[in-house]
Amino acid sequence: MLEQAVNTRALVVEDDPNIVDLIRSNLAVRGFDTVVSTDGLRALNLLETEAPDIVLLDLMLPEVDGFELCRLIRERSSVAIIVVSARGGERDKVTALNMGADDYMTKPFSIEEMLARITATLRRTRPADTAPDTAPPVISIGELEIDLSSQQVTRGGLAVHLTPTEFALLRELATNRGKLLTHAHLLRRVWGRGYETETEYVRVYIRRLRAKLESDGAAPLILTQPRAGYRIAAE
């Protein structure tokens, strides 16, 4: 069951009126405000004017590439993005995640699945998602500093922009430094229960973290143990 959403706004980017009505009616009874766009340009304008908490983005829009729109939204905002698509192939899913999507849902979907994914994504991407009490407020790993309370990361004194999902994954690795964390553990802790088999989510987001946090020729920050998981080396 989706928790009552107080002042939570969803931007639905979808041109099928039946799907729009289905999503809007089910979110409305749970306290969401819903704004709708049927095209990409309007969606980018609404992103600025409406400041949504979450975007449900259909890939198959007229006159716009859904993957490119996902990338443009992510460039402009850290808003939660769930891609909704009739294309269920792994390549499309990986492409959407690479473009900055937090989750990928295949049509047709049940209302229960949609609500569960929205709940999980909002929990992960909202600033109120705090660090464990046992973790130090700032974790230093080489030239990297991870401020758990402000969710800010610096590298060599320069700010590094991470999406909320990227930060959640880095936090889990950093607060368990030296421990091997399995794919299932990371999926459960970062994405939530029910995601344990979505191993491509972890692979894509580990690549994203490495691209932002590791330097060519330097020792890797995140170590891979093939077919097992990932860890940050012990001090």
C-alpha atoms as a PDB file:
ATOM      1  CA  MET A   1       0.000   0.000   0.000  1.00  0.00           C
ATOM      2  CA  LEU A   2       1.299   3.424  -0.944  1.00  0.00           C
ATOM      3  CA  GLU A   3       1.677   5.768   1.984  1.00  0.00           C
ATOM      4  CA  GLN A   4      -0.413   8.938   1.968  1.00  0.00           C
ATOM      5  CA  ALA A   5       1.553  11.459  -0.047  1.00  0.00           C
ATOM      6  CA  VAL A   6       1.409  14.943   1.454  1.00  0.00           C
ATOM      7  CA  ASN A   7       2.147  17.658  -1.106  1.00  0.00           C
ATOM      8  CA  THR A   8       3.731  15.097  -3.416  1.00  0.00           C
ATOM      9  CA  ARG A   9       3.578  15.971  -7.095  1.00  0.00           C
ATOM     10  CA  ALA A  10       3.923  13.532  -9.980  1.00  0.00           C
ATOM     11  CA  LEU A  11       4.668  14.579 -13.559  1.00  0.00           C
ATOM     12  CA  VAL A  12       3.197  12.013 -15.955  1.00  0.00           C
ATOM     13  CA  VAL A  13       4.717  12.188 -19.452  1.00  0.00           C
ATOM     14  CA  GLU A  14       2.378   9.979 -21.477  1.00  0.00           C
ATOM     15  CA  ASP A  15       0.235  10.417 -24.605  1.00  0.00           C
ATOM     16  CA  ASP A  16      -2.236   7.555 -24.006  1.00  0.00           C
ATOM     17  CA  PRO A  17      -5.279   9.141 -22.286  1.00  0.00           C
ATOM     18  CA  ASN A  18      -6.413   5.796 -20.837  1.00  0.00           C
ATOM     19  CA  ILE A  19      -3.088   5.268 -19.058  1.00  0.00           C
ATOM     20  CA  VAL A  20      -3.046   8.902 -17.912  1.00  0.00           C
ATOM     21  CA  ASP A  21      -6.529   8.523 -16.393  1.00  0.00           C
ATOM     22  CA  LEU A  22      -5.545   5.250 -14.696  1.00  0.00           C
ATOM     23  CA  ILE A  23      -2.407   6.716 -13.129  1.00  0.00           C
ATOM     24  CA  ARG A  24      -3.969  10.054 -12.187  1.00  0.00           C
ATOM     25  CA  SER A  25      -7.044   8.548 -10.516  1.00  0.00           C
ATOM     26  CA  ASN A  26      -5.012   6.075  -8.455  1.00  0.00           C
ATOM     27  CA  LEU A  27      -2.515   8.704  -7.344  1.00  0.00           C
ATOM     28  CA  ALA A  28      -5.209  11.288  -6.568  1.00  0.00           C
ATOM     29  CA  VAL A  29      -6.887   9.088  -3.945  1.00  0.00           C
ATOM     30  CA  ARG A  30      -3.484   8.760  -2.249  1.00  0.00           C
ATOM     31  CA  GLY A  31      -2.941  12.476  -1.965  1.00  0.00           C
ATOM     32  CA  PHE A  32      -0.796  13.157  -5.021  1.00  0.00           C
ATOM     33  CA  ASP A  33      -1.048  16.176  -7.256  1.00  0.00           C
ATOM     34  CA  THR A  34      -0.609  15.042 -10.857  1.00  0.00           C
ATOM     35  CA  VAL A  35       0.429  17.146 -13.829  1.00  0.00           C
ATOM     36  CA  VAL A  36       0.427  15.675 -17.323  1.00  0.00           C
ATOM     37  CA  SER A  37       2.406  16.301 -20.478  1.00  0.00           C
ATOM     38  CA  THR A  38       1.931  14.562 -23.812  1.00  0.00           C
ATOM     39  CA  ASP A  39       5.125  15.949 -25.343  1.00  0.00           C
ATOM     40  CA  GLY A  40       8.747  16.435 -24.402  1.00  0.00           C
ATOM     41  CA  LEU A  41       9.067  20.218 -24.619  1.00  0.00           C
ATOM     42  CA  ARG A  42       6.089  20.765 -22.332  1.00  0.00           C
ATOM     43  CA  ALA A  43       7.495  18.151 -19.954  1.00  0.00           C
ATOM     44  CA  LEU A  44      10.737  20.131 -19.612  1.00  0.00           C
ATOM     45  CA  ASN A  45       8.750  23.318 -18.992  1.00  0.00           C
ATOM     46  CA  LEU A  46       6.636  21.610 -16.322  1.00  0.00           C
ATOM     47  CA  LEU A  47       9.789  20.285 -14.696  1.00  0.00           C
ATOM     48  CA  GLU A  48      10.785  23.916 -14.082  1.00  0.00           C
ATOM     49  CA  THR A  49       7.387  25.394 -13.190  1.00  0.00           C
ATOM     50  CA  GLU A  50       5.806  22.537 -11.195  1.00  0.00           C
ATOM     51  CA  ALA A  51       8.884  21.110  -9.392  1.00  0.00           C
ATOM     52  CA  PRO A  52       7.570  17.508  -9.316  1.00  0.00           C
ATOM     53  CA  ASP A  53       8.830  14.942  -6.814  1.00  0.00           C
ATOM     54  CA  ILE A  54       8.668  12.117  -9.344  1.00  0.00           C
ATOM     55  CA  VAL A  55       8.390  11.745 -13.129  1.00  0.00           C
ATOM     56  CA  LEU A  56       6.647   8.796 -14.802  1.00  0.00           C
ATOM     57  CA  LEU A  57       8.084   8.878 -18.320  1.00  0.00           C
ATOM     58  CA  ASP A  58       6.775   6.933 -21.297  1.00  0.00           C
ATOM     59  CA  LEU A  59       9.480   6.207 -23.880  1.00  0.00           C
ATOM     60  CA  MET A  60       7.137   6.013 -26.870  1.00  0.00           C
ATOM     61  CA  LEU A  61       6.175   9.651 -27.268  1.00  0.00           C
ATOM     62  CA  PRO A  62       5.333  11.359 -30.576  1.00  0.00           C
ATOM     63  CA  GLU A  63       8.064  13.542 -32.081  1.00  0.00           C
ATOM     64  CA  VAL A  64      10.570  12.960 -29.274  1.00  0.00           C
ATOM     65  CA  ASP A  65      13.087  10.290 -28.297  1.00  0.00           C
ATOM     66  CA  GLY A  66      12.162   9.104 -24.809  1.00  0.00           C
ATOM     67  CA  PHE A  67      15.751   8.237 -23.899  1.00  0.00           C
ATOM     68  CA  GLU A  68      16.920  11.722 -24.900  1.00  0.00           C
ATOM     69  CA  LEU A  69      14.104  13.277 -22.868  1.00  0.00           C
ATOM     70  CA  CYS A  70      15.161  11.184 -19.862  1.00  0.00           C
ATOM     71  CA  ARG A  71      18.723  12.474 -20.271  1.00  0.00           C
ATOM     72  CA  LEU A  72      17.535  16.085 -20.538  1.00  0.00           C
ATOM     73  CA  ILE A  73      15.392  15.756 -17.403  1.00  0.00           C
ATOM     74  CA  ARG A  74      18.318  14.261 -15.481  1.00  0.00           C
ATOM     75  CA  GLU A  75      20.645  17.050 -16.651  1.00  0.00           C
ATOM     76  CA  ARG A  76      18.247  19.615 -15.229  1.00  0.00           C
ATOM     77  CA  SER A  77      17.087  17.927 -12.032  1.00  0.00           C
ATOM     78  CA  SER A  78      17.669  15.210  -9.425  1.00  0.00           C
ATOM     79  CA  VAL A  79      13.937  14.391  -9.523  1.00  0.00           C
ATOM     80  CA  ALA A  80      13.002  10.717  -9.259  1.00  0.00           C
ATOM     81  CA  ILE A  81      12.411   9.200 -12.715  1.00  0.00           C
ATOM     82  CA  ILE A  82      10.538   5.970 -13.417  1.00  0.00           C
ATOM     83  CA  VAL A  83      10.540   5.054 -17.101  1.00  0.00           C
ATOM     84  CA  VAL A  84       7.319   3.359 -18.203  1.00  0.00           C
ATOM     85  CA  SER A  85       7.567   1.524 -21.519  1.00  0.00           C
ATOM     86  CA  ALA A  86       6.020  -1.208 -23.636  1.00  0.00           C
ATOM     87  CA  ARG A  87       9.612  -2.153 -24.566  1.00  0.00           C
ATOM     88  CA  GLY A  88      10.695  -4.809 -22.089  1.00  0.00           C
ATOM     89  CA  GLY A  89      14.116  -5.724 -23.448  1.00  0.00           C
ATOM     90  CA  GLU A  90      17.190  -5.538 -21.231  1.00  0.00           C
ATOM     91  CA  ARG A  91      18.953  -3.224 -23.710  1.00  0.00           C
ATOM     92  CA  ASP A  92      16.202  -0.610 -23.389  1.00  0.00           C
ATOM     93  CA  LYS A  93      16.243  -0.934 -19.602  1.00  0.00           C
ATOM     94  CA  VAL A  94      20.022  -0.480 -19.424  1.00  0.00           C
ATOM     95  CA  THR A  95      19.860   2.494 -21.816  1.00  0.00           C
ATOM     96  CA  ALA A  96      17.199   4.184 -19.672  1.00  0.00           C
ATOM     97  CA  LEU A  97      19.239   3.626 -16.496  1.00  0.00           C
ATOM     98  CA  ASN A  98      22.325   4.995 -18.254  1.00  0.00           C
ATOM     99  CA  MET A  99      20.328   8.107 -19.140  1.00  0.00           C
ATOM    100  CA  GLY A 100      19.576   8.663 -15.462  1.00  0.00           C
ATOM    101  CA  ALA A 101      16.347   6.764 -14.774  1.00  0.00           C
ATOM    102  CA  ASP A 102      15.943   5.455 -11.230  1.00  0.00           C
ATOM    103  CA  ASP A 103      13.646   2.604 -12.203  1.00  0.00           C
ATOM    104  CA  TYR A 104      12.073   0.960 -15.278  1.00  0.00           C
ATOM    105  CA  MET A 105       8.555  -0.445 -15.450  1.00  0.00           C
ATOM    106  CA  THR A 106       7.217  -2.442 -18.397  1.00  0.00           C
ATOM    107  CA  LYS A 107       3.678  -2.110 -19.753  1.00  0.00           C
ATOM    108  CA  PRO A 108       1.238  -3.590 -19.059  1.00  0.00           C
ATOM    109  CA  PHE A 109       1.684  -3.092 -15.312  1.00  0.00           C
ATOM    110  CA  SER A 110      -0.597  -3.531 -12.325  1.00  0.00           C
ATOM    111  CA  ILE A 111      -1.567  -0.597 -10.140  1.00  0.00           C
ATOM    112  CA  GLU A 112      -0.012  -2.442  -7.178  1.00  0.00           C
ATOM    113  CA  GLU A 113       3.332  -2.665  -8.992  1.00  0.00           C
ATOM    114  CA  MET A 114       3.218   1.000  -9.948  1.00  0.00           C
ATOM    115  CA  LEU A 115       2.439   2.110  -6.406  1.00  0.00           C
ATOM    116  CA  ALA A 116       5.160  -0.118  -4.930  1.00  0.00           C
ATOM    117  CA  ARG A 117       7.770   1.254  -7.328  1.00  0.00           C
ATOM    118  CA  ILE A 118       6.735   4.864  -6.669  1.00  0.00           C
ATOM    119  CA  THR A 119       6.970   4.281  -2.914  1.00  0.00           C
ATOM    120  CA  ALA A 120      10.409   2.664  -3.169  1.00  0.00           C
ATOM    121  CA  THR A 121      11.745   5.354  -5.500  1.00  0.00           C
ATOM    122  CA  LEU A 122      10.498   8.272  -3.379  1.00  0.00           C
ATOM    123  CA  ARG A 123      11.976   6.755  -0.214  1.00  0.00           C
ATOM    124  CA  ARG A 124      15.338   6.492  -1.942  1.00  0.00           C
ATOM    125  CA  THR A 125      15.418   9.866  -3.640  1.00  0.00           C
ATOM    126  CA  ARG A 126      14.021  12.195  -0.990  1.00  0.00           C
ATOM    127  CA  PRO A 127      16.477  14.165   1.165  1.00  0.00           C
ATOM    128  CA  ALA A 128      14.806  12.910   4.359  1.00  0.00           C
ATOM    129  CA  ASP A 129      16.412   9.533   3.692  1.00  0.00           C
ATOM    130  CA  THR A 130      19.033   9.758   6.455  1.00  0.00           C
ATOM    131  CA  ALA A 131      22.203   7.833   7.139  1.00  0.00           C
ATOM    132  CA  PRO A 132      22.475   5.113   9.799  1.00  0.00           C
ATOM    133  CA  ASP A 133      23.127   6.476  13.315  1.00  0.00           C
ATOM    134  CA  THR A 134      26.306   4.398  13.602  1.00  0.00           C
ATOM    135  CA  ALA A 135      27.938   5.962  10.531  1.00  0.00           C
ATOM    136  CA  PRO A 136      30.352   8.884  10.959  1.00  0.00           C
ATOM    137  CA  PRO A 137      28.955  12.175   9.609  1.00  0.00           C
ATOM    138  CA  VAL A 138      31.729  12.468   7.021  1.00  0.00           C
ATOM    139  CA  ILE A 139      33.554   9.533   5.421  1.00  0.00           C
ATOM    140  CA  SER A 140      36.948  10.182   3.821  1.00  0.00           C
ATOM    141  CA  ILE A 141      38.354   7.774   1.236  1.00  0.00           C
ATOM    142  CA  GLY A 142      41.518   9.122  -0.318  1.00  0.00           C
ATOM    143  CA  GLU A 143      40.653  12.456  -1.916  1.00  0.00           C
ATOM    144  CA  LEU A 144      36.944  11.665  -1.647  1.00  0.00           C
ATOM    145  CA  GLU A 145      34.786  13.131   1.133  1.00  0.00           C
ATOM    146  CA  ILE A 146      31.222  11.892   1.611  1.00  0.00           C
ATOM    147  CA  ASP A 147      29.010  14.013   3.877  1.00  0.00           C
ATOM    148  CA  LEU A 148      26.183  11.705   4.896  1.00  0.00           C
ATOM    149  CA  SER A 149      23.978  14.346   6.514  1.00  0.00           C
ATOM    150  CA  SER A 150      24.014  16.841   3.622  1.00  0.00           C
ATOM    151  CA  GLN A 151      24.371  14.122   0.957  1.00  0.00           C
ATOM    152  CA  GLN A 152      27.253  16.049  -0.597  1.00  0.00           C
ATOM    153  CA  VAL A 153      30.366  14.523  -2.156  1.00  0.00           C
ATOM    154  CA  THR A 154      33.651  16.265  -2.923  1.00  0.00           C
ATOM    155  CA  ARG A 155      36.687  14.935  -4.753  1.00  0.00           C
ATOM    156  CA  GLY A 156      39.927  16.788  -4.251  1.00  0.00           C
ATOM    157  CA  GLY A 157      37.900  19.634  -2.752  1.00  0.00           C
ATOM    158  CA  LEU A 158      35.607  19.935  -5.792  1.00  0.00           C
ATOM    159  CA  ALA A 159      31.909  19.134  -5.577  1.00  0.00           C
ATOM    160  CA  VAL A 160      30.726  16.030  -7.432  1.00  0.00           C
ATOM    161  CA  HIS A 161      27.066  15.964  -8.454  1.00  0.00           C
ATOM    162  CA  LEU A 162      25.437  12.606  -7.698  1.00  0.00           C
ATOM    163  CA  THR A 163      21.806  11.715  -8.189  1.00  0.00           C
ATOM    164  CA  PRO A 164      20.006  10.495  -5.047  1.00  0.00           C
ATOM    165  CA  THR A 165      20.230   6.890  -6.265  1.00  0.00           C
ATOM    166  CA  GLU A 166      23.956   7.222  -6.982  1.00  0.00           C
ATOM    167  CA  PHE A 167      24.480   8.708  -3.526  1.00  0.00           C
ATOM    168  CA  ALA A 168      22.457   5.934  -1.849  1.00  0.00           C
ATOM    169  CA  LEU A 169      24.623   3.305  -3.549  1.00  0.00           C
ATOM    170  CA  LEU A 170      27.858   5.085  -2.633  1.00  0.00           C
ATOM    171  CA  ARG A 171      26.692   5.498   0.963  1.00  0.00           C
ATOM    172  CA  GLU A 172      25.950   1.788   1.286  1.00  0.00           C
ATOM    173  CA  LEU A 173      29.406   0.884  -0.029  1.00  0.00           C
ATOM    174  CA  ALA A 174      31.220   3.538   2.043  1.00  0.00           C
ATOM    175  CA  THR A 175      29.492   2.748   5.346  1.00  0.00           C
ATOM    176  CA  ASN A 176      30.399  -0.926   4.823  1.00  0.00           C
ATOM    177  CA  ARG A 177      33.961  -0.229   3.708  1.00  0.00           C
ATOM    178  CA  GLY A 178      36.010  -3.401   3.300  1.00  0.00           C
ATOM    179  CA  LYS A 179      32.957  -5.676   3.192  1.00  0.00           C
ATOM    180  CA  LEU A 180      31.875  -7.511   0.066  1.00  0.00           C
ATOM    181  CA  LEU A 181      28.285  -6.494  -0.668  1.00  0.00           C
ATOM    182  CA  THR A 182      26.357  -8.831  -2.935  1.00  0.00           C
ATOM    183  CA  HIS A 183      24.176  -7.669  -5.810  1.00  0.00           C
ATOM    184  CA  ALA A 184      21.086  -8.766  -3.870  1.00  0.00           C
ATOM    185  CA  HIS A 185      22.191  -6.853  -0.747  1.00  0.00           C
ATOM    186  CA  LEU A 186      22.792  -3.636  -2.703  1.00  0.00           C
ATOM    187  CA  LEU A 187      19.514  -3.954  -4.585  1.00  0.00           C
ATOM    188  CA  ARG A 188      17.567  -4.562  -1.385  1.00  0.00           C
ATOM    189  CA  ARG A 189      19.251  -1.714   0.510  1.00  0.00           C
ATOM    190  CA  VAL A 190      19.325   0.882  -2.281  1.00  0.00           C
ATOM    191  CA  TRP A 191      16.291   0.097  -4.446  1.00  0.00           C
ATOM    192  CA  GLY A 192      14.175  -1.829  -1.944  1.00  0.00           C
ATOM    193  CA  ARG A 193      12.642  -5.238  -1.423  1.00  0.00           C
ATOM    194  CA  GLY A 194      11.475  -6.882  -4.617  1.00  0.00           C
ATOM    195  CA  TYR A 195      14.431  -5.641  -6.677  1.00  0.00           C
ATOM    196  CA  GLU A 196      16.883  -8.398  -5.693  1.00  0.00           C
ATOM    197  CA  THR A 197      17.009  -9.929  -9.189  1.00  0.00           C
ATOM    198  CA  GLU A 198      17.493  -6.617 -11.079  1.00  0.00           C
ATOM    199  CA  THR A 199      21.278  -7.053 -11.272  1.00  0.00           C
ATOM    200  CA  GLU A 200      21.634  -4.694 -14.256  1.00  0.00           C
ATOM    201  CA  TYR A 201      20.525  -1.819 -11.989  1.00  0.00           C
ATOM    202  CA  VAL A 202      23.631  -2.297  -9.836  1.00  0.00           C
ATOM    203  CA  ARG A 203      25.967  -2.753 -12.818  1.00  0.00           C
ATOM    204  CA  VAL A 204      24.776   0.444 -14.497  1.00  0.00           C
ATOM    205  CA  TYR A 205      24.959   2.540 -11.330  1.00  0.00           C
ATOM    206  CA  ILE A 206      28.389   1.189 -10.352  1.00  0.00           C
ATOM    207  CA  ARG A 207      29.586   2.305 -13.800  1.00  0.00           C
ATOM    208  CA  ARG A 208      28.051   5.726 -13.225  1.00  0.00           C
ATOM    209  CA  LEU A 209      29.813   6.085  -9.864  1.00  0.00           C
ATOM    210  CA  ARG A 210      33.149   4.980 -11.307  1.00  0.00           C
ATOM    211  CA  ALA A 211      32.861   7.498 -14.143  1.00  0.00           C
ATOM    212  CA  LYS A 212      32.299  10.329 -11.661  1.00  0.00           C
ATOM    213  CA  LEU A 213      34.621   9.302  -8.830  1.00  0.00           C
ATOM    214  CA  GLU A 214      37.598   7.433 -10.306  1.00  0.00           C
ATOM    215  CA  SER A 215      40.529   8.835 -12.281  1.00  0.00           C
ATOM    216  CA  ASP A 216      42.242   7.147 -15.215  1.00  0.00           C
ATOM    217  CA  GLY A 217      45.380   5.405 -14.035  1.00  0.00           C
ATOM    218  CA  ALA A 218      44.521   5.738 -10.334  1.00  0.00           C
ATOM    219  CA  ALA A 219      43.670   2.839  -8.034  1.00  0.00           C
ATOM    220  CA  PRO A 220      39.986   1.931  -8.415  1.00  0.00           C
ATOM    221  CA  LEU A 221      37.608   3.122  -5.718  1.00  0.00           C
ATOM    222  CA  ILE A 222      35.064   0.330  -6.167  1.00  0.00           C
ATOM    223  CA  LEU A 223      36.356  -3.219  -6.470  1.00  0.00           C
ATOM    224  CA  THR A 224      34.454  -5.942  -8.300  1.00  0.00           C
ATOM    225  CA  GLN A 225      34.361  -9.547  -7.185  1.00  0.00           C
ATOM    226  CA  PRO A 226      33.074 -11.376 -10.287  1.00  0.00           C
ATOM    227  CA  ARG A 227      29.640 -12.989  -9.911  1.00  0.00           C
ATOM    228  CA  ALA A 228      29.585 -11.959  -6.237  1.00  0.00           C
ATOM    229  CA  GLY A 229      29.394  -8.207  -5.707  1.00  0.00           C
ATOM    230  CA  TYR A 230      31.314  -5.033  -4.947  1.00  0.00           C
ATOM    231  CA  ARG A 231      33.271  -3.416  -2.152  1.00  0.00           C
ATOM    232  CA  ILE A 232      35.383  -0.394  -1.343  1.00  0.00           C
ATOM    233  CA  ALA A 233      38.845  -1.482  -0.209  1.00  0.00           C
ATOM    234  CA  ALA A 234      39.511  -1.403   3.544  1.00  0.00           C
ATOM    235  CA  GLU A 235      41.677   1.404   4.891  1.00  0.00           C
END
